[in-house]
Amino acid sequence: MLLQTLAWQPKTGWSAPWPAGMDSPSTLAVIFGGRASPGTEGAVGEIAARLPNSVLAGCSTAGEIHGDQVADASLSVAIASFAHVTLRKVLLPIRDPVEAFAVGRDLGRALAAPDLRAVFVLSDGLNVNGSRLTSGLREALPDSVVVTGGLAGDGERFGSTWVIGERAPTDRCVTAVGFYGDRLRVGHGCQAGWSSFGPERSITRAEGNVLYELDNKPALGLYKSYLGERASGLPATALLFPLAVWAPSDTGAPLIRTVLGVDEAAQSLTFAGDVPQGHRARLMRTNIESLIQSAGLAGARAAQDFPDGGTPLSIAVSCVGRRLVLGERTEEEIERVLEALPRGAGQVGFYSYGELSPRHRGGYCDLHNQTMTVTLFDEAC
């Protein structure tokens, strides 16, 4: 596999000369960018023009990752040209979160084949129920297919997101790229670094990803009581206190759910994924050192599938909530990921509104929030 990473800034342009001879149907260009603007759309258009035969995938972000750097209002691009792996991209519209299961199922069915080894998914970040999206994918694909990806972001604004459609930024879409062939090498890691605190509560009223009541009390009021003066910054400040959610019978680690929106009239919170009625819940918090350490663990877990090293493409997807906590130390978690990877890895990625990854090696994909996820792609010689 040939690999090149580049960054684009509005004032300085491209960080390196464009590589020659990489355009082909087996070439993947991954593009992560800031809020849609004439400059951003023009730079994406240039990529599409330079790679007319390649597969383009990407989305908007809450921060672009390139190498060990994090930027805003830029592009982070990786071009991976495979010799023995074939690619296929599917794009479907999504207009409402209730469609998410069907969209995930249809994506999986469109990509399914005996030699499918991995799927990378990028979705609208505001009009999708991420847990139902992954449930649909799981119905259509066997657990042996590694499914990872993320939900597009819009910084701390939560206004609008985009995904690369056919060849340009498009709203309200979900895209998935399938990787086919026995020579594909793929690794994945997912770690959080958050801990629960406060009383364990019962989800007494919820519909899908909308939470109305905890212990028969309005959910929004509870969050505001923990946020104090920060409540005026909702929904962004709710990222400081995600929710741990689990079924009463669960024995493993809980799923983490983060807030995407609030409804003052209904006193409800909308999350990136389901918060099932009858499940248990606790608020969560973290500190900077725990987040940085967990990022390194995610990189190390992904690298376990590359004991001989190599030069894989690394796609790091972290949560906007982690960036809010890390602040000026955000790049330290990116550096910690790189330190754990094979020395020749090329890294791009983004800060998201939700991360898609198996929790364990060999497990099925699920929606996560407040995690660092790392996916490595390469091919055997």
Foldseek 3Di string as FASTA:
>chain_A
DDKDKWKQDLVPGIPDDDDPDQAAQQKEKEKEAADDDPSVQVVLVVVCVRRVHYHYKYKYFLWKDFQLDTDHRMMIIMIDHDDFKGKDKDKDFADAQVCQLVVLLVQLQVQDDPFWAEKEKEFAQQRHAFQSNLVNVPVRDPLRYWYWYAYHDHRLPLDFMWIQDRRGTDGRMMMMMTMGDPFKFKFKFKFFLKDFDDDKWAQADDDWQKGQDTNNHGPLVVLCVVCPVCSVSPPSVQLQKWKFKDAPPDDDGTFTWGFSHADPVSSMTGTSGGRDHRIMMTIIHHAQVSQLVRLLVRLLRRQVSVPVADAWEKEKEAASSNCVRCPPNVSSSSVSSCVNHRVNYTYIYHHHRWIWGANHVSGGIGIHHNMIMMMIIDGDD
